PDB file of N, CA and C in Angstrom:
ATOM      1  N   MET A   1      -3.743 -15.329  12.771  1.00  0.00           N
ATOM      2  CA  MET A   1      -2.824 -15.259  11.760  1.00  0.00           C
ATOM      3  C   MET A   1      -2.924 -16.050  10.870  1.00  0.00           C
ATOM      4  N   CYS A   2      -4.092 -17.122  10.828  1.00  0.00           N
ATOM      5  CA  CYS A   2      -4.326 -18.064   9.813  1.00  0.00           C
ATOM      6  C   CYS A   2      -6.302 -16.855   9.368  1.00  0.00           C
ATOM      7  N   GLU A   3      -6.405 -16.363   9.698  1.00  0.00           N
ATOM      8  CA  GLU A   3      -7.279 -15.595   8.964  1.00  0.00           C
ATOM      9  C   GLU A   3      -6.723 -14.121   8.570  1.00  0.00           C
ATOM     10  N   SER A   4      -5.856 -14.054   8.818  1.00  0.00           N
ATOM     11  CA  SER A   4      -5.388 -12.953   8.387  1.00  0.00           C
ATOM     12  C   SER A   4      -4.535 -13.404   7.036  1.00  0.00           C
ATOM     13  N   LEU A   5      -3.640 -14.118   7.027  1.00  0.00           N
ATOM     14  CA  LEU A   5      -3.741 -15.696   5.433  1.00  0.00           C
ATOM     15  C   LEU A   5      -5.189 -15.733   4.569  1.00  0.00           C
ATOM     16  N   THR A   6      -5.662 -15.655   5.377  1.00  0.00           N
ATOM     17  CA  THR A   6      -6.354 -16.697   4.345  1.00  0.00           C
ATOM     18  C   THR A   6      -7.296 -15.100   3.409  1.00  0.00           C
ATOM     19  N   ALA A   7      -7.702 -13.986   4.400  1.00  0.00           N
ATOM     20  CA  ALA A   7      -8.235 -13.103   4.082  1.00  0.00           C
ATOM     21  C   ALA A   7      -6.971 -12.158   3.228  1.00  0.00           C
ATOM     22  N   SER A   8      -5.792 -12.000   3.514  1.00  0.00           N
ATOM     23  CA  SER A   8      -5.010 -11.385   1.948  1.00  0.00           C
ATOM     24  C   SER A   8      -4.797 -11.955   1.081  1.00  0.00           C
ATOM     25  N   SER A   9      -5.398 -13.439   0.898  1.00  0.00           N
ATOM     26  CA  SER A   9      -4.842 -14.551  -0.004  1.00  0.00           C
ATOM     27  C   SER A   9      -6.262 -14.097  -0.837  1.00  0.00           C
ATOM     28  N   ASN A  10      -7.514 -13.872  -0.413  1.00  0.00           N
ATOM     29  CA  ASN A  10      -8.473 -13.520  -0.851  1.00  0.00           C
ATOM     30  C   ASN A  10      -7.969 -12.165  -1.700  1.00  0.00           C
ATOM     31  N   ALA A  11      -8.191 -11.150  -0.682  1.00  0.00           N
ATOM     32  CA  ALA A  11      -7.756  -9.883  -1.870  1.00  0.00           C
ATOM     33  C   ALA A  11      -6.518  -9.498  -2.683  1.00  0.00           C
ATOM     34  N   GLU A  12      -5.948 -10.420  -2.562  1.00  0.00           N
ATOM     35  CA  GLU A  12      -5.129  -9.957  -3.755  1.00  0.00           C
ATOM     36  C   GLU A  12      -5.769 -10.661  -4.851  1.00  0.00           C
ATOM     37  N   GLN A  13      -6.340 -11.955  -4.999  1.00  0.00           N
ATOM     38  CA  GLN A  13      -7.311 -12.104  -5.888  1.00  0.00           C
ATOM     39  C   GLN A  13      -8.409 -10.664  -6.379  1.00  0.00           C
ATOM     40  N   LEU A  14      -8.987 -10.374  -6.138  1.00  0.00           N
ATOM     41  CA  LEU A  14      -9.991  -9.121  -5.929  1.00  0.00           C
ATOM     42  C   LEU A  14      -9.787  -7.572  -6.279  1.00  0.00           C
ATOM     43  N   GLY A  15      -7.958  -7.616  -6.865  1.00  0.00           N
ATOM     44  CA  GLY A  15      -8.223  -6.423  -7.336  1.00  0.00           C
ATOM     45  C   GLY A  15      -8.323  -5.658  -8.497  1.00  0.00           C
ATOM     46  N   ARG A  16      -8.628  -6.693  -9.812  1.00  0.00           N
ATOM     47  CA  ARG A  16      -8.872  -6.632 -10.824  1.00  0.00           C
ATOM     48  C   ARG A  16     -10.203  -5.849 -10.509  1.00  0.00           C
ATOM     49  N   TYR A  17     -11.256  -6.406  -8.856  1.00  0.00           N
ATOM     50  CA  TYR A  17     -12.726  -6.354  -9.766  1.00  0.00           C
ATOM     51  C   TYR A  17     -12.440  -4.972  -8.590  1.00  0.00           C
ATOM     52  N   SER A  18     -11.526  -4.103  -8.389  1.00  0.00           N
ATOM     53  CA  SER A  18     -12.035  -2.533  -8.038  1.00  0.00           C
ATOM     54  C   SER A  18     -12.394  -1.376  -8.526  1.00  0.00           C
ATOM     55  N   SER A  19     -12.596  -0.469  -8.208  1.00  0.00           N
ATOM     56  CA  SER A  19     -13.031   0.976  -8.733  1.00  0.00           C
ATOM     57  C   SER A  19     -12.236   1.645  -8.230  1.00  0.00           C
ATOM     58  N   THR A  20     -12.551   1.582  -7.074  1.00  0.00           N
ATOM     59  CA  THR A  20     -11.889   1.743  -6.197  1.00  0.00           C
ATOM     60  C   THR A  20     -10.308   2.602  -5.665  1.00  0.00           C
ATOM     61  N   PRO A  21     -10.330   3.710  -5.806  1.00  0.00           N
ATOM     62  CA  PRO A  21      -8.734   4.218  -6.091  1.00  0.00           C
ATOM     63  C   PRO A  21      -8.299   4.044  -4.399  1.00  0.00           C
ATOM     64  N   THR A  22      -7.049   3.325  -4.835  1.00  0.00           N
ATOM     65  CA  THR A  22      -6.284   2.323  -3.463  1.00  0.00           C
ATOM     66  C   THR A  22      -4.929   2.425  -3.551  1.00  0.00           C
ATOM     67  N   LEU A  23      -4.073   3.323  -2.626  1.00  0.00           N
ATOM     68  CA  LEU A  23      -3.239   3.707  -2.182  1.00  0.00           C
ATOM     69  C   LEU A  23      -2.160   2.944  -1.411  1.00  0.00           C
ATOM     70  N   ILE A  24      -1.398   2.822  -2.091  1.00  0.00           N
ATOM     71  CA  ILE A  24      -0.692   1.357  -1.167  1.00  0.00           C
ATOM     72  C   ILE A  24       0.752   1.575  -0.315  1.00  0.00           C
ATOM     73  N   ILE A  25       1.322   2.012   0.242  1.00  0.00           N
ATOM     74  CA  ILE A  25       2.748   2.160   0.871  1.00  0.00           C
ATOM     75  C   ILE A  25       3.040   0.790   1.376  1.00  0.00           C
ATOM     76  N   GLN A  26       4.139  -0.028   0.258  1.00  0.00           N
ATOM     77  CA  GLN A  26       4.891  -0.263   0.790  1.00  0.00           C
ATOM     78  C   GLN A  26       6.537   0.217   1.402  1.00  0.00           C
ATOM     79  N   ALA A  27       6.273  -1.040   2.520  1.00  0.00           N
ATOM     80  CA  ALA A  27       8.080  -0.878   3.153  1.00  0.00           C
ATOM     81  C   ALA A  27       8.704  -1.664   2.836  1.00  0.00           C
ATOM     82  N   GLY A  28      10.097  -1.481   2.786  1.00  0.00           N
ATOM     83  CA  GLY A  28      11.237  -1.745   2.084  1.00  0.00           C
ATOM     84  C   GLY A  28      11.596  -2.578   2.693  1.00  0.00           C
ATOM     85  N   GLN A  29      11.505  -2.341   4.216  1.00  0.00           N
ATOM     86  CA  GLN A  29      12.780  -3.429   5.096  1.00  0.00           C
ATOM     87  C   GLN A  29      11.809  -3.990   6.253  1.00  0.00           C
ATOM     88  N   ASP A  30      10.375  -4.725   5.486  1.00  0.00           N
ATOM     89  CA  ASP A  30       9.277  -4.956   6.770  1.00  0.00           C
ATOM     90  C   ASP A  30       9.888  -6.117   6.332  1.00  0.00           C
ATOM     91  N   SER A  31       9.417  -6.571   7.519  1.00  0.00           N
ATOM     92  CA  SER A  31       9.632  -8.222   7.581  1.00  0.00           C
ATOM     93  C   SER A  31       8.949  -9.429   8.675  1.00  0.00           C
ATOM     94  N   VAL A  32       7.696  -7.837   8.520  1.00  0.00           N
ATOM     95  CA  VAL A  32       5.889  -8.911   8.994  1.00  0.00           C
ATOM     96  C   VAL A  32       5.094  -9.173   7.366  1.00  0.00           C
ATOM     97  N   VAL A  33       4.922  -8.450   7.015  1.00  0.00           N
ATOM     98  CA  VAL A  33       4.494  -8.955   5.042  1.00  0.00           C
ATOM     99  C   VAL A  33       5.028  -8.917   4.544  1.00  0.00           C
ATOM    100  N   ASN A  34       4.976  -9.623   4.222  1.00  0.00           N
ATOM    101  CA  ASN A  34       5.641 -10.175   2.670  1.00  0.00           C
ATOM    102  C   ASN A  34       4.887  -9.019   1.371  1.00  0.00           C
ATOM    103  N   PRO A  35       5.934  -9.094   0.379  1.00  0.00           N
ATOM    104  CA  PRO A  35       5.188  -7.501  -0.738  1.00  0.00           C
ATOM    105  C   PRO A  35       4.144  -8.229  -2.090  1.00  0.00           C
ATOM    106  N   GLY A  36       4.430  -9.665  -1.790  1.00  0.00           N
ATOM    107  CA  GLY A  36       4.123 -10.187  -3.286  1.00  0.00           C
ATOM    108  C   GLY A  36       2.435  -9.276  -3.395  1.00  0.00           C
ATOM    109  N   GLY A  37       1.469 -10.638  -2.229  1.00  0.00           N
ATOM    110  CA  GLY A  37       0.260  -9.626  -2.908  1.00  0.00           C
ATOM    111  C   GLY A  37      -0.248  -8.831  -2.688  1.00  0.00           C
ATOM    112  N   GLN A  38       0.253  -7.423  -2.001  1.00  0.00           N
ATOM    113  CA  GLN A  38       1.025  -6.112  -2.456  1.00  0.00           C
ATOM    114  C   GLN A  38       0.336  -5.875  -4.177  1.00  0.00           C
ATOM    115  N   ASN A  39       2.107  -6.579  -4.378  1.00  0.00           N
ATOM    116  CA  ASN A  39       2.535  -6.214  -5.212  1.00  0.00           C
ATOM    117  C   ASN A  39       1.312  -6.387  -6.770  1.00  0.00           C
ATOM    118  N   ARG A  40       0.993  -8.063  -6.164  1.00  0.00           N
ATOM    119  CA  ARG A  40      -0.279  -8.387  -7.888  1.00  0.00           C
ATOM    120  C   ARG A  40      -1.784  -7.633  -7.584  1.00  0.00           C
ATOM    121  N   TYR A  41      -2.443  -7.210  -6.404  1.00  0.00           N
ATOM    122  CA  TYR A  41      -2.892  -6.741  -6.031  1.00  0.00           C
ATOM    123  C   TYR A  41      -3.311  -5.195  -6.813  1.00  0.00           C
ATOM    124  N   CYS A  42      -1.831  -4.944  -6.779  1.00  0.00           N
ATOM    125  CA  CYS A  42      -1.983  -3.076  -7.310  1.00  0.00           C
ATOM    126  C   CYS A  42      -1.860  -3.047  -8.993  1.00  0.00           C
ATOM    127  N   ALA A  43      -0.694  -4.776  -8.715  1.00  0.00           N
ATOM    128  CA  ALA A  43      -1.243  -4.877 -10.827  1.00  0.00           C
ATOM    129  C   ALA A  43      -2.416  -4.549 -11.620  1.00  0.00           C
ATOM    130  N   ALA A  44      -2.774  -5.452 -10.352  1.00  0.00           N
ATOM    131  CA  ALA A  44      -4.148  -5.954 -11.159  1.00  0.00           C
ATOM    132  C   ALA A  44      -5.985  -4.846 -10.858  1.00  0.00           C
ATOM    133  N   ALA A  45      -5.423  -4.128  -9.894  1.00  0.00           N
ATOM    134  CA  ALA A  45      -6.534  -3.172  -9.589  1.00  0.00           C
ATOM    135  C   ALA A  45      -6.213  -1.847 -10.254  1.00  0.00           C
ATOM    136  N   PRO A  46      -6.932  -1.603 -11.378  1.00  0.00           N
ATOM    137  CA  PRO A  46      -6.637  -0.407 -12.469  1.00  0.00           C
ATOM    138  C   PRO A  46      -6.826   0.775 -11.313  1.00  0.00           C
ATOM    139  N   ARG A  47      -6.762   1.245 -10.461  1.00  0.00           N
ATOM    140  CA  ARG A  47      -6.680   2.861  -9.454  1.00  0.00           C
ATOM    141  C   ARG A  47      -5.781   2.642  -9.229  1.00  0.00           C
ATOM    142  N   CYS A  48      -5.266   1.119  -8.945  1.00  0.00           N
ATOM    143  CA  CYS A  48      -4.280   1.741  -7.673  1.00  0.00           C
ATOM    144  C   CYS A  48      -2.920   2.399  -7.592  1.00  0.00           C
ATOM    145  N   GLN A  49      -2.616   2.113  -7.140  1.00  0.00           N
ATOM    146  CA  GLN A  49      -1.000   3.078  -6.677  1.00  0.00           C
ATOM    147  C   GLN A  49      -0.195   3.098  -5.347  1.00  0.00           C
ATOM    148  N   LEU A  50       1.054   2.066  -6.022  1.00  0.00           N
ATOM    149  CA  LEU A  50       1.813   1.477  -4.725  1.00  0.00           C
ATOM    150  C   LEU A  50       2.870   2.272  -4.579  1.00  0.00           C
ATOM    151  N   THR A  51       3.361   3.025  -3.294  1.00  0.00           N
ATOM    152  CA  THR A  51       4.393   3.278  -2.645  1.00  0.00           C
ATOM    153  C   THR A  51       5.223   2.926  -2.153  1.00  0.00           C
ATOM    154  N   ARG A  52       7.191   1.868  -2.893  1.00  0.00           N
ATOM    155  CA  ARG A  52       8.116   2.034  -2.183  1.00  0.00           C
ATOM    156  C   ARG A  52       8.651   2.531  -1.259  1.00  0.00           C
ATOM    157  N   LEU A  53       8.977   2.748  -0.252  1.00  0.00           N
ATOM    158  CA  LEU A  53       9.423   3.605   0.489  1.00  0.00           C
ATOM    159  C   LEU A  53      10.989   2.228   1.448  1.00  0.00           C
ATOM    160  N   GLU A  54      11.760   1.943   0.623  1.00  0.00           N
ATOM    161  CA  GLU A  54      12.841   1.131   0.706  1.00  0.00           C
ATOM    162  C   GLU A  54      13.336   1.514   1.886  1.00  0.00           C
ATOM    163  N   GLN A  55      13.112   2.552   2.861  1.00  0.00           N
ATOM    164  CA  GLN A  55      14.442   2.606   3.900  1.00  0.00           C
ATOM    165  C   GLN A  55      13.138   2.523   5.609  1.00  0.00           C
ATOM    166  N   ALA A  56      11.649   2.289   4.794  1.00  0.00           N
ATOM    167  CA  ALA A  56      10.485   1.815   6.393  1.00  0.00           C
ATOM    168  C   ALA A  56      11.072   0.599   6.390  1.00  0.00           C
ATOM    169  N   HIS A  57       9.950   0.222   7.228  1.00  0.00           N
ATOM    170  CA  HIS A  57       9.321  -0.822   8.274  1.00  0.00           C
ATOM    171  C   HIS A  57       8.434  -1.246   8.101  1.00  0.00           C
ATOM    172  N   HIS A  58       7.714  -2.012   9.384  1.00  0.00           N
ATOM    173  CA  HIS A  58       6.666  -2.203   9.363  1.00  0.00           C
ATOM    174  C   HIS A  58       5.760  -1.201   8.979  1.00  0.00           C
ATOM    175  N   GLU A  59       5.160  -0.367   9.308  1.00  0.00           N
ATOM    176  CA  GLU A  59       4.790   0.960  10.596  1.00  0.00           C
ATOM    177  C   GLU A  59       5.031   2.458   9.723  1.00  0.00           C
ATOM    178  N   SER A  60       4.992   2.425   8.034  1.00  0.00           N
ATOM    179  CA  SER A  60       5.864   4.218   7.170  1.00  0.00           C
ATOM    180  C   SER A  60       5.643   5.197   8.466  1.00  0.00           C
ATOM    181  N   TYR A  61       4.203   5.072   8.433  1.00  0.00           N
ATOM    182  CA  TYR A  61       3.949   6.302   9.724  1.00  0.00           C
ATOM    183  C   TYR A  61       3.891   6.378  11.465  1.00  0.00           C
ATOM    184  N   ALA A  62       4.884   5.313  12.272  1.00  0.00           N
ATOM    185  CA  ALA A  62       5.657   5.629  12.537  1.00  0.00           C
ATOM    186  C   ALA A  62       6.904   5.427  12.883  1.00  0.00           C
ATOM    187  N   GLU A  63       7.283   6.069  11.274  1.00  0.00           N
ATOM    188  CA  GLU A  63       9.377   5.695  11.595  1.00  0.00           C
ATOM    189  C   GLU A  63       9.545   6.757  11.453  1.00  0.00           C
ATOM    190  N   VAL A  64      10.693   6.687  11.384  1.00  0.00           N
ATOM    191  CA  VAL A  64      12.190   8.267  11.952  1.00  0.00           C
ATOM    192  C   VAL A  64      11.101   9.377  10.626  1.00  0.00           C
ATOM    193  N   ASP A  65      11.824  11.039  11.398  1.00  0.00           N
ATOM    194  CA  ASP A  65      10.320  11.359  10.312  1.00  0.00           C
ATOM    195  C   ASP A  65      11.296  11.403   8.912  1.00  0.00           C
ATOM    196  N   GLU A  66      12.534  10.875   8.360  1.00  0.00           N
ATOM    197  CA  GLU A  66      12.558  11.278   6.120  1.00  0.00           C
ATOM    198  C   GLU A  66      11.179  10.296   6.010  1.00  0.00           C
ATOM    199  N   VAL A  67      11.468   9.352   6.025  1.00  0.00           N
ATOM    200  CA  VAL A  67      10.358   8.130   6.027  1.00  0.00           C
ATOM    201  C   VAL A  67       8.877   8.752   5.954  1.00  0.00           C
ATOM    202  N   ARG A  68       8.899   8.800   7.336  1.00  0.00           N
ATOM    203  CA  ARG A  68       7.032   9.097   7.585  1.00  0.00           C
ATOM    204  C   ARG A  68       6.905   9.816   6.576  1.00  0.00           C
ATOM    205  N   ASN A  69       7.963  11.634   6.917  1.00  0.00           N
ATOM    206  CA  ASN A  69       7.211  13.045   6.509  1.00  0.00           C
ATOM    207  C   ASN A  69       7.254  12.218   4.754  1.00  0.00           C
ATOM    208  N   VAL A  70       7.689  11.358   4.239  1.00  0.00           N
ATOM    209  CA  VAL A  70       7.354  10.982   2.966  1.00  0.00           C
ATOM    210  C   VAL A  70       6.550   9.869   1.769  1.00  0.00           C
ATOM    211  N   ALA A  71       5.806  10.106   3.451  1.00  0.00           N
ATOM    212  CA  ALA A  71       4.583   8.784   3.420  1.00  0.00           C
ATOM    213  C   ALA A  71       3.137   9.743   3.680  1.00  0.00           C
ATOM    214  N   VAL A  72       3.235  10.708   4.341  1.00  0.00           N
ATOM    215  CA  VAL A  72       2.403  11.361   5.047  1.00  0.00           C
ATOM    216  C   VAL A  72       1.956  12.206   3.788  1.00  0.00           C
ATOM    217  N   GLU A  73       3.261  12.960   3.108  1.00  0.00           N
ATOM    218  CA  GLU A  73       2.869  13.705   1.074  1.00  0.00           C
ATOM    219  C   GLU A  73       2.751  12.890   0.404  1.00  0.00           C
ATOM    220  N   ARG A  74       2.846  11.259   0.470  1.00  0.00           N
ATOM    221  CA  ARG A  74       2.295  11.197  -0.209  1.00  0.00           C
ATOM    222  C   ARG A  74       0.625  10.086  -0.669  1.00  0.00           C
ATOM    223  N   THR A  75       0.566  10.808   1.071  1.00  0.00           N
ATOM    224  CA  THR A  75      -0.762  10.479   0.688  1.00  0.00           C
ATOM    225  C   THR A  75      -1.274  11.064   0.926  1.00  0.00           C
ATOM    226  N   LEU A  76      -1.646  12.567   1.472  1.00  0.00           N
ATOM    227  CA  LEU A  76      -1.966  13.666   1.152  1.00  0.00           C
ATOM    228  C   LEU A  76      -2.417  14.293  -0.008  1.00  0.00           C
ATOM    229  N   LYS A  77      -0.861  13.911  -1.223  1.00  0.00           N
ATOM    230  CA  LYS A  77      -0.940  13.963  -2.001  1.00  0.00           C
ATOM    231  C   LYS A  77      -2.304  13.144  -2.864  1.00  0.00           C
ATOM    232  N   PHE A  78      -2.529  11.775  -2.728  1.00  0.00           N
ATOM    233  CA  PHE A  78      -3.516  10.815  -3.361  1.00  0.00           C
ATOM    234  C   PHE A  78      -4.614  11.441  -3.314  1.00  0.00           C
ATOM    235  N   PHE A  79      -4.496  11.787  -1.662  1.00  0.00           N
ATOM    236  CA  PHE A  79      -6.003  12.502  -1.908  1.00  0.00           C
ATOM    237  C   PHE A  79      -6.283  13.589  -1.598  1.00  0.00           C
ATOM    238  N   ASP A  80      -5.229  14.773  -2.138  1.00  0.00           N
ATOM    239  CA  ASP A  80      -5.916  15.582  -2.809  1.00  0.00           C
ATOM    240  C   ASP A  80      -6.716  15.303  -4.557  1.00  0.00           C
ATOM    241  N   ALA A  81      -5.375  14.215  -5.248  1.00  0.00           N
ATOM    242  CA  ALA A  81      -5.564  13.741  -6.701  1.00  0.00           C
ATOM    243  C   ALA A  81      -7.216  13.184  -6.772  1.00  0.00           C
ATOM    244  N   GLN A  82      -7.600  12.751  -5.525  1.00  0.00           N
ATOM    245  CA  GLN A  82      -9.351  11.840  -5.682  1.00  0.00           C
ATOM    246  C   GLN A  82      -9.648  13.273  -5.431  1.00  0.00           C
ATOM    247  N   VAL A  83     -10.587  14.242  -5.341  1.00  0.00           N
ATOM    248  CA  VAL A  83     -10.711  15.154  -5.168  1.00  0.00           C
ATOM    249  C   VAL A  83     -11.160  16.396  -6.031  1.00  0.00           C
ATOM    250  N   THR A  84      -9.920  16.478  -6.667  1.00  0.00           N
ATOM    251  CA  THR A  84      -9.690  17.691  -7.361  1.00  0.00           C
ATOM    252  C   THR A  84     -10.155  17.268  -9.430  1.00  0.00           C
ATOM    253  N   PRO A  85     -10.596  17.350  -9.055  1.00  0.00           N
ATOM    254  CA  PRO A  85     -11.634  17.095 -10.856  1.00  0.00           C
ATOM    255  C   PRO A  85     -10.434  17.321 -11.917  1.00  0.00           C
TER     256      PRO A  85
END
């Protein structure tokens, strides 16, 4: 847990140096992950997109159909945008 917290803190500081397209699917009802670090990383990373799913809990891809389908749709759209000129 300590290593995870240290890595998360370091990662959010590195957003401004990232040129990698990044999609963060943020779970609005997450009781495990605090969204602050995700928000700070994405605000600093020039190619970051944040999608917040208000009804989602910790694992958006293992949610009820309505939530999971939105997460998968946004992910596929993100991937398509990376390969389409």
